[in-house]
PDB file of N, CA and C in Angstrom:
ATOM      1  N   MET A   1      -5.042-104.868  -7.606  1.00  0.00           N
ATOM      2  CA  MET A   1      -6.019-103.859  -7.984  1.00  0.00           C
ATOM      3  C   MET A   1      -5.941-103.650  -9.357  1.00  0.00           C
ATOM      4  N   HIS A   2      -7.527-103.846  -9.738  1.00  0.00           N
ATOM      5  CA  HIS A   2      -7.807-103.630 -11.379  1.00  0.00           C
ATOM      6  C   HIS A   2      -7.805-102.091 -11.617  1.00  0.00           C
ATOM      7  N   GLU A   3      -7.104-101.627 -12.787  1.00  0.00           N
ATOM      8  CA  GLU A   3      -7.361-100.435 -13.323  1.00  0.00           C
ATOM      9  C   GLU A   3      -8.701-100.283 -13.902  1.00  0.00           C
ATOM     10  N   LYS A   4      -9.140 -99.148 -13.673  1.00  0.00           N
ATOM     11  CA  LYS A   4     -10.718 -98.973 -14.243  1.00  0.00           C
ATOM     12  C   LYS A   4     -10.352 -98.526 -15.853  1.00  0.00           C
ATOM     13  N   SER A   5     -11.164 -99.377 -16.677  1.00  0.00           N
ATOM     14  CA  SER A   5     -10.978 -99.087 -18.082  1.00  0.00           C
ATOM     15  C   SER A   5     -11.931 -97.885 -18.405  1.00  0.00           C
ATOM     16  N   PRO A   6     -11.484 -97.096 -19.287  1.00  0.00           N
ATOM     17  CA  PRO A   6     -12.251 -95.914 -19.641  1.00  0.00           C
ATOM     18  C   PRO A   6     -13.738 -96.462 -20.216  1.00  0.00           C
ATOM     19  N   ASP A   7     -14.715 -95.577 -19.854  1.00  0.00           N
ATOM     20  CA  ASP A   7     -15.985 -95.879 -20.290  1.00  0.00           C
ATOM     21  C   ASP A   7     -16.163 -95.430 -21.752  1.00  0.00           C
ATOM     22  N   THR A   8     -16.215 -96.405 -22.600  1.00  0.00           N
ATOM     23  CA  THR A   8     -16.258 -96.101 -23.839  1.00  0.00           C
ATOM     24  C   THR A   8     -17.700 -96.355 -24.335  1.00  0.00           C
ATOM     25  N   HIS A   9     -18.242 -95.350 -25.295  1.00  0.00           N
ATOM     26  CA  HIS A   9     -19.488 -95.568 -25.777  1.00  0.00           C
ATOM     27  C   HIS A   9     -19.069 -95.878 -27.213  1.00  0.00           C
ATOM     28  N   PRO A  10     -20.167 -96.352 -27.976  1.00  0.00           N
ATOM     29  CA  PRO A  10     -20.027 -96.817 -29.296  1.00  0.00           C
ATOM     30  C   PRO A  10     -20.058 -95.640 -30.252  1.00  0.00           C
ATOM     31  N   LEU A  11     -20.736 -94.442 -29.714  1.00  0.00           N
ATOM     32  CA  LEU A  11     -21.001 -93.219 -30.296  1.00  0.00           C
ATOM     33  C   LEU A  11     -20.258 -92.017 -29.514  1.00  0.00           C
ATOM     34  N   SER A  12     -19.532 -91.186 -30.198  1.00  0.00           N
ATOM     35  CA  SER A  12     -19.070 -89.879 -29.525  1.00  0.00           C
ATOM     36  C   SER A  12     -20.167 -88.970 -29.196  1.00  0.00           C
ATOM     37  N   ASP A  13     -19.931 -87.981 -28.331  1.00  0.00           N
ATOM     38  CA  ASP A  13     -21.016 -87.067 -28.141  1.00  0.00           C
ATOM     39  C   ASP A  13     -21.524 -86.375 -29.368  1.00  0.00           C
ATOM     40  N   LEU A  14     -20.210 -86.194 -30.296  1.00  0.00           N
ATOM     41  CA  LEU A  14     -20.576 -85.224 -31.307  1.00  0.00           C
ATOM     42  C   LEU A  14     -21.493 -86.040 -32.430  1.00  0.00           C
ATOM     43  N   ALA A  15     -21.093 -87.458 -32.660  1.00  0.00           N
ATOM     44  CA  ALA A  15     -22.036 -88.152 -33.364  1.00  0.00           C
ATOM     45  C   ALA A  15     -23.452 -88.266 -32.955  1.00  0.00           C
ATOM     46  N   TYR A  16     -23.424 -88.543 -31.560  1.00  0.00           N
ATOM     47  CA  TYR A  16     -24.967 -88.604 -30.915  1.00  0.00           C
ATOM     48  C   TYR A  16     -25.758 -87.264 -31.060  1.00  0.00           C
ATOM     49  N   ASP A  17     -24.929 -85.991 -30.961  1.00  0.00           N
ATOM     50  CA  ASP A  17     -25.526 -84.808 -31.398  1.00  0.00           C
ATOM     51  C   ASP A  17     -26.157 -84.719 -32.768  1.00  0.00           C
ATOM     52  N   TRP A  18     -25.387 -85.253 -33.571  1.00  0.00           N
ATOM     53  CA  TRP A  18     -25.796 -85.098 -35.258  1.00  0.00           C
ATOM     54  C   TRP A  18     -27.000 -85.888 -35.248  1.00  0.00           C
ATOM     55  N   ILE A  19     -27.098 -87.268 -34.814  1.00  0.00           N
ATOM     56  CA  ILE A  19     -27.821 -88.197 -34.848  1.00  0.00           C
ATOM     57  C   ILE A  19     -29.403 -87.504 -34.338  1.00  0.00           C
ATOM     58  N   THR A  20     -29.272 -86.909 -33.189  1.00  0.00           N
ATOM     59  CA  THR A  20     -30.346 -86.373 -32.538  1.00  0.00           C
ATOM     60  C   THR A  20     -30.864 -85.181 -33.181  1.00  0.00           C
ATOM     61  N   LEU A  21     -30.211 -84.335 -34.015  1.00  0.00           N
ATOM     62  CA  LEU A  21     -30.454 -83.286 -34.706  1.00  0.00           C
ATOM     63  C   LEU A  21     -31.316 -83.798 -36.021  1.00  0.00           C
ATOM     64  N   ILE A  22     -30.721 -84.795 -36.499  1.00  0.00           N
ATOM     65  CA  ILE A  22     -31.418 -85.472 -37.732  1.00  0.00           C
ATOM     66  C   ILE A  22     -32.655 -86.056 -37.360  1.00  0.00           C
ATOM     67  N   GLN A  23     -32.793 -86.751 -36.209  1.00  0.00           N
ATOM     68  CA  GLN A  23     -34.100 -87.209 -35.869  1.00  0.00           C
ATOM     69  C   GLN A  23     -35.138 -86.146 -35.722  1.00  0.00           C
ATOM     70  N   ASN A  24     -34.835 -84.859 -35.004  1.00  0.00           N
ATOM     71  CA  ASN A  24     -35.581 -84.004 -34.617  1.00  0.00           C
ATOM     72  C   ASN A  24     -36.043 -83.220 -35.930  1.00  0.00           C
ATOM     73  N   LYS A  25     -35.047 -83.135 -36.905  1.00  0.00           N
ATOM     74  CA  LYS A  25     -35.539 -82.548 -38.079  1.00  0.00           C
ATOM     75  C   LYS A  25     -36.559 -83.391 -38.903  1.00  0.00           C
ATOM     76  N   ALA A  26     -36.334 -84.844 -38.938  1.00  0.00           N
ATOM     77  CA  ALA A  26     -37.161 -85.849 -39.599  1.00  0.00           C
ATOM     78  C   ALA A  26     -38.450 -85.614 -39.176  1.00  0.00           C
ATOM     79  N   GLN A  27     -38.527 -85.486 -37.778  1.00  0.00           N
ATOM     80  CA  GLN A  27     -39.834 -85.517 -37.077  1.00  0.00           C
ATOM     81  C   GLN A  27     -40.534 -84.244 -37.302  1.00  0.00           C
ATOM     82  N   ALA A  28     -39.818 -82.985 -37.496  1.00  0.00           N
ATOM     83  CA  ALA A  28     -40.331 -81.796 -37.894  1.00  0.00           C
ATOM     84  C   ALA A  28     -41.019 -81.744 -39.321  1.00  0.00           C
ATOM     85  N   LEU A  29     -40.239 -82.429 -40.147  1.00  0.00           N
ATOM     86  CA  LEU A  29     -40.709 -82.373 -41.568  1.00  0.00           C
ATOM     87  C   LEU A  29     -42.200 -83.230 -41.693  1.00  0.00           C
ATOM     88  N   MET A  30     -42.291 -84.175 -40.974  1.00  0.00           N
ATOM     89  CA  MET A  30     -43.564 -84.863 -40.781  1.00  0.00           C
ATOM     90  C   MET A  30     -44.537 -83.863 -40.241  1.00  0.00           C
ATOM     91  N   ALA A  31     -44.238 -83.221 -39.344  1.00  0.00           N
ATOM     92  CA  ALA A  31     -45.207 -82.260 -38.668  1.00  0.00           C
ATOM     93  C   ALA A  31     -45.562 -81.226 -39.530  1.00  0.00           C
ATOM     94  N   TYR A  32     -44.633 -80.720 -40.363  1.00  0.00           N
ATOM     95  CA  TYR A  32     -44.886 -79.638 -41.383  1.00  0.00           C
ATOM     96  C   TYR A  32     -45.724 -80.029 -42.535  1.00  0.00           C
ATOM     97  N   ASP A  33     -45.601 -81.369 -42.817  1.00  0.00           N
ATOM     98  CA  ASP A  33     -46.712 -81.799 -43.728  1.00  0.00           C
ATOM     99  C   ASP A  33     -48.084 -81.712 -43.367  1.00  0.00           C
ATOM    100  N   GLN A  34     -48.340 -82.005 -42.076  1.00  0.00           N
ATOM    101  CA  GLN A  34     -49.576 -82.059 -41.509  1.00  0.00           C
ATOM    102  C   GLN A  34     -49.957 -80.327 -41.452  1.00  0.00           C
ATOM    103  N   TYR A  35     -49.070 -79.586 -40.985  1.00  0.00           N
ATOM    104  CA  TYR A  35     -49.442 -78.083 -40.848  1.00  0.00           C
ATOM    105  C   TYR A  35     -49.744 -77.542 -42.320  1.00  0.00           C
ATOM    106  N   ILE A  36     -49.263 -78.112 -43.361  1.00  0.00           N
ATOM    107  CA  ILE A  36     -49.552 -77.537 -44.620  1.00  0.00           C
ATOM    108  C   ILE A  36     -50.880 -78.125 -45.009  1.00  0.00           C
ATOM    109  N   LYS A  37     -51.399 -79.228 -44.703  1.00  0.00           N
ATOM    110  CA  LYS A  37     -52.544 -79.897 -44.913  1.00  0.00           C
ATOM    111  C   LYS A  37     -53.613 -79.031 -44.302  1.00  0.00           C
ATOM    112  N   ASP A  38     -53.415 -78.609 -42.910  1.00  0.00           N
ATOM    113  CA  ASP A  38     -54.304 -77.946 -41.944  1.00  0.00           C
ATOM    114  C   ASP A  38     -54.364 -76.359 -42.693  1.00  0.00           C
ATOM    115  N   ALA A  39     -53.395 -75.855 -43.004  1.00  0.00           N
ATOM    116  CA  ALA A  39     -53.496 -74.337 -43.672  1.00  0.00           C
ATOM    117  C   ALA A  39     -54.309 -74.570 -45.177  1.00  0.00           C
ATOM    118  N   GLU A  40     -53.985 -75.457 -45.765  1.00  0.00           N
ATOM    119  CA  GLU A  40     -54.785 -75.627 -46.975  1.00  0.00           C
ATOM    120  C   GLU A  40     -56.371 -75.814 -46.650  1.00  0.00           C
ATOM    121  N   GLN A  41     -56.622 -76.618 -45.732  1.00  0.00           N
ATOM    122  CA  GLN A  41     -58.023 -76.878 -45.459  1.00  0.00           C
ATOM    123  C   GLN A  41     -58.647 -75.981 -44.857  1.00  0.00           C
ATOM    124  N   ALA A  42     -57.790 -74.996 -44.131  1.00  0.00           N
ATOM    125  CA  ALA A  42     -58.470 -73.668 -43.502  1.00  0.00           C
ATOM    126  C   ALA A  42     -58.422 -72.596 -44.561  1.00  0.00           C
ATOM    127  N   GLY A  43     -58.124 -72.760 -45.878  1.00  0.00           N
ATOM    128  CA  GLY A  43     -58.218 -72.025 -46.993  1.00  0.00           C
ATOM    129  C   GLY A  43     -57.255 -70.776 -46.517  1.00  0.00           C
ATOM    130  N   SER A  44     -55.936 -71.018 -45.987  1.00  0.00           N
ATOM    131  CA  SER A  44     -55.003 -69.982 -45.766  1.00  0.00           C
ATOM    132  C   SER A  44     -53.592 -70.441 -46.688  1.00  0.00           C
ATOM    133  N   PRO A  45     -53.688 -70.182 -48.091  1.00  0.00           N
ATOM    134  CA  PRO A  45     -52.460 -70.231 -48.643  1.00  0.00           C
ATOM    135  C   PRO A  45     -51.156 -69.649 -48.171  1.00  0.00           C
ATOM    136  N   GLU A  46     -51.300 -68.505 -47.682  1.00  0.00           N
ATOM    137  CA  GLU A  46     -50.322 -67.818 -46.872  1.00  0.00           C
ATOM    138  C   GLU A  46     -49.652 -68.679 -46.001  1.00  0.00           C
ATOM    139  N   CYS A  47     -50.626 -69.180 -45.000  1.00  0.00           N
ATOM    140  CA  CYS A  47     -49.704 -70.170 -44.068  1.00  0.00           C
ATOM    141  C   CYS A  47     -49.247 -71.275 -44.700  1.00  0.00           C
ATOM    142  N   ALA A  48     -49.897 -71.907 -45.693  1.00  0.00           N
ATOM    143  CA  ALA A  48     -49.334 -73.051 -46.189  1.00  0.00           C
ATOM    144  C   ALA A  48     -47.932 -72.806 -46.790  1.00  0.00           C
ATOM    145  N   ALA A  49     -47.841 -71.543 -47.603  1.00  0.00           N
ATOM    146  CA  ALA A  49     -46.673 -71.232 -48.159  1.00  0.00           C
ATOM    147  C   ALA A  49     -45.611 -71.057 -47.260  1.00  0.00           C
ATOM    148  N   PHE A  50     -45.941 -70.485 -45.866  1.00  0.00           N
ATOM    149  CA  PHE A  50     -44.685 -70.317 -44.965  1.00  0.00           C
ATOM    150  C   PHE A  50     -44.428 -71.702 -44.480  1.00  0.00           C
ATOM    151  N   PHE A  51     -45.347 -72.457 -44.262  1.00  0.00           N
ATOM    152  CA  PHE A  51     -44.939 -73.816 -43.679  1.00  0.00           C
ATOM    153  C   PHE A  51     -44.272 -74.657 -44.961  1.00  0.00           C
ATOM    154  N   ARG A  52     -44.468 -74.352 -45.915  1.00  0.00           N
ATOM    155  CA  ARG A  52     -43.579 -75.147 -47.126  1.00  0.00           C
ATOM    156  C   ARG A  52     -42.218 -74.384 -47.144  1.00  0.00           C
ATOM    157  N   LYS A  53     -42.138 -73.055 -46.921  1.00  0.00           N
ATOM    158  CA  LYS A  53     -40.783 -72.595 -46.881  1.00  0.00           C
ATOM    159  C   LYS A  53     -39.986 -73.036 -45.608  1.00  0.00           C
ATOM    160  N   VAL A  54     -40.498 -73.289 -44.465  1.00  0.00           N
ATOM    161  CA  VAL A  54     -39.759 -73.912 -43.230  1.00  0.00           C
ATOM    162  C   VAL A  54     -39.531 -75.193 -43.582  1.00  0.00           C
ATOM    163  N   HIS A  55     -40.516 -76.066 -44.231  1.00  0.00           N
ATOM    164  CA  HIS A  55     -40.316 -77.326 -44.555  1.00  0.00           C
ATOM    165  C   HIS A  55     -38.934 -77.408 -45.423  1.00  0.00           C
ATOM    166  N   ASP A  56     -38.934 -76.565 -46.523  1.00  0.00           N
ATOM    167  CA  ASP A  56     -37.776 -76.902 -47.450  1.00  0.00           C
ATOM    168  C   ASP A  56     -36.527 -76.407 -46.856  1.00  0.00           C
ATOM    169  N   SER A  57     -36.562 -75.438 -45.855  1.00  0.00           N
ATOM    170  CA  SER A  57     -35.360 -74.994 -45.290  1.00  0.00           C
ATOM    171  C   SER A  57     -34.981 -76.131 -44.317  1.00  0.00           C
ATOM    172  N   ASP A  58     -35.724 -76.833 -43.615  1.00  0.00           N
ATOM    173  CA  ASP A  58     -35.285 -77.949 -42.557  1.00  0.00           C
ATOM    174  C   ASP A  58     -34.874 -78.991 -43.483  1.00  0.00           C
ATOM    175  N   LYS A  59     -35.468 -79.341 -44.657  1.00  0.00           N
ATOM    176  CA  LYS A  59     -35.097 -80.484 -45.567  1.00  0.00           C
ATOM    177  C   LYS A  59     -33.801 -80.228 -46.022  1.00  0.00           C
ATOM    178  N   ALA A  60     -33.400 -78.976 -46.498  1.00  0.00           N
ATOM    179  CA  ALA A  60     -32.007 -78.884 -46.944  1.00  0.00           C
ATOM    180  C   ALA A  60     -31.013 -79.001 -45.496  1.00  0.00           C
ATOM    181  N   GLN A  61     -31.460 -78.592 -44.604  1.00  0.00           N
ATOM    182  CA  GLN A  61     -30.537 -78.721 -43.509  1.00  0.00           C
ATOM    183  C   GLN A  61     -30.411 -80.073 -42.920  1.00  0.00           C
ATOM    184  N   LEU A  62     -31.520 -80.654 -43.074  1.00  0.00           N
ATOM    185  CA  LEU A  62     -31.290 -82.317 -42.883  1.00  0.00           C
ATOM    186  C   LEU A  62     -30.276 -82.977 -43.910  1.00  0.00           C
ATOM    187  N   ALA A  63     -30.458 -82.764 -44.953  1.00  0.00           N
ATOM    188  CA  ALA A  63     -29.414 -83.159 -46.108  1.00  0.00           C
ATOM    189  C   ALA A  63     -27.947 -82.719 -45.721  1.00  0.00           C
ATOM    190  N   GLU A  64     -27.959 -81.541 -45.321  1.00  0.00           N
ATOM    191  CA  GLU A  64     -26.304 -81.203 -44.891  1.00  0.00           C
ATOM    192  C   GLU A  64     -26.077 -81.953 -43.730  1.00  0.00           C
ATOM    193  N   ALA A  65     -26.943 -82.006 -42.674  1.00  0.00           N
ATOM    194  CA  ALA A  65     -26.468 -82.845 -41.432  1.00  0.00           C
ATOM    195  C   ALA A  65     -26.165 -84.280 -41.708  1.00  0.00           C
ATOM    196  N   LYS A  66     -26.928 -84.857 -42.741  1.00  0.00           N
ATOM    197  CA  LYS A  66     -26.413 -86.228 -42.782  1.00  0.00           C
ATOM    198  C   LYS A  66     -25.173 -86.323 -43.472  1.00  0.00           C
ATOM    199  N   GLY A  67     -24.525 -85.414 -44.066  1.00  0.00           N
ATOM    200  CA  GLY A  67     -23.165 -85.448 -44.630  1.00  0.00           C
ATOM    201  C   GLY A  67     -22.099 -85.163 -43.463  1.00  0.00           C
ATOM    202  N   HIS A  68     -22.723 -84.342 -42.488  1.00  0.00           N
ATOM    203  CA  HIS A  68     -21.660 -84.022 -41.432  1.00  0.00           C
ATOM    204  C   HIS A  68     -21.555 -85.324 -40.519  1.00  0.00           C
ATOM    205  N   LEU A  69     -22.742 -85.840 -40.384  1.00  0.00           N
ATOM    206  CA  LEU A  69     -22.858 -87.156 -39.588  1.00  0.00           C
ATOM    207  C   LEU A  69     -21.788 -88.335 -40.086  1.00  0.00           C
ATOM    208  N   VAL A  70     -21.889 -88.440 -41.496  1.00  0.00           N
ATOM    209  CA  VAL A  70     -21.242 -89.268 -42.100  1.00  0.00           C
ATOM    210  C   VAL A  70     -19.492 -89.174 -41.965  1.00  0.00           C
ATOM    211  N   ALA A  71     -19.318 -87.831 -42.182  1.00  0.00           N
ATOM    212  CA  ALA A  71     -17.875 -87.190 -41.743  1.00  0.00           C
ATOM    213  C   ALA A  71     -17.331 -87.742 -40.472  1.00  0.00           C
ATOM    214  N   VAL A  72     -18.294 -87.520 -39.597  1.00  0.00           N
ATOM    215  CA  VAL A  72     -18.030 -87.638 -38.062  1.00  0.00           C
ATOM    216  C   VAL A  72     -17.591 -89.283 -37.793  1.00  0.00           C
ATOM    217  N   LEU A  73     -18.648 -89.811 -38.446  1.00  0.00           N
ATOM    218  CA  LEU A  73     -18.726 -91.402 -38.192  1.00  0.00           C
ATOM    219  C   LEU A  73     -17.367 -91.937 -39.009  1.00  0.00           C
ATOM    220  N   GLN A  74     -16.812 -91.281 -40.175  1.00  0.00           N
ATOM    221  CA  GLN A  74     -15.629 -91.888 -40.681  1.00  0.00           C
ATOM    222  C   GLN A  74     -14.454 -91.033 -40.133  1.00  0.00           C
ATOM    223  N   GLY A  75     -14.644 -90.415 -39.263  1.00  0.00           N
ATOM    224  CA  GLY A  75     -13.307 -89.784 -38.467  1.00  0.00           C
ATOM    225  C   GLY A  75     -12.639 -88.445 -39.349  1.00  0.00           C
ATOM    226  N   LYS A  76     -13.715 -88.119 -40.170  1.00  0.00           N
ATOM    227  CA  LYS A  76     -13.165 -87.052 -40.904  1.00  0.00           C
ATOM    228  C   LYS A  76     -13.484 -85.599 -40.331  1.00  0.00           C
ATOM    229  N   MET A  77     -14.299 -85.550 -39.345  1.00  0.00           N
ATOM    230  CA  MET A  77     -14.697 -84.473 -38.722  1.00  0.00           C
ATOM    231  C   MET A  77     -14.648 -84.664 -37.213  1.00  0.00           C
ATOM    232  N   GLY A  78     -14.150 -83.948 -36.429  1.00  0.00           N
ATOM    233  CA  GLY A  78     -13.988 -83.783 -35.046  1.00  0.00           C
ATOM    234  C   GLY A  78     -12.949 -85.014 -34.573  1.00  0.00           C
ATOM    235  N   ARG A  79     -13.012 -85.062 -33.201  1.00  0.00           N
ATOM    236  CA  ARG A  79     -11.991 -85.837 -32.616  1.00  0.00           C
ATOM    237  C   ARG A  79     -12.711 -87.126 -31.913  1.00  0.00           C
ATOM    238  N   GLY A  80     -11.957 -88.352 -32.050  1.00  0.00           N
ATOM    239  CA  GLY A  80     -12.461 -89.301 -31.406  1.00  0.00           C
ATOM    240  C   GLY A  80     -14.028 -89.605 -31.293  1.00  0.00           C
TER     241      GLY A  80
END
């Protein structure tokens, strides 16, 4: 009888979570660029300013998330 080998994946759940978050933030940043253009074309500087604010916040979070992902992949954060 053969022992079952543990099902190992190349990425931990934690690494996958960070990658997914980074992907979602990157897609959001592209969408915000379009929202800013739409607001500017609609003559709404208030809306454009808000979309820029959200964009900048997500951009900063994306930069921080990349650092966390690197730490996880290097084994400096989280377990296995």
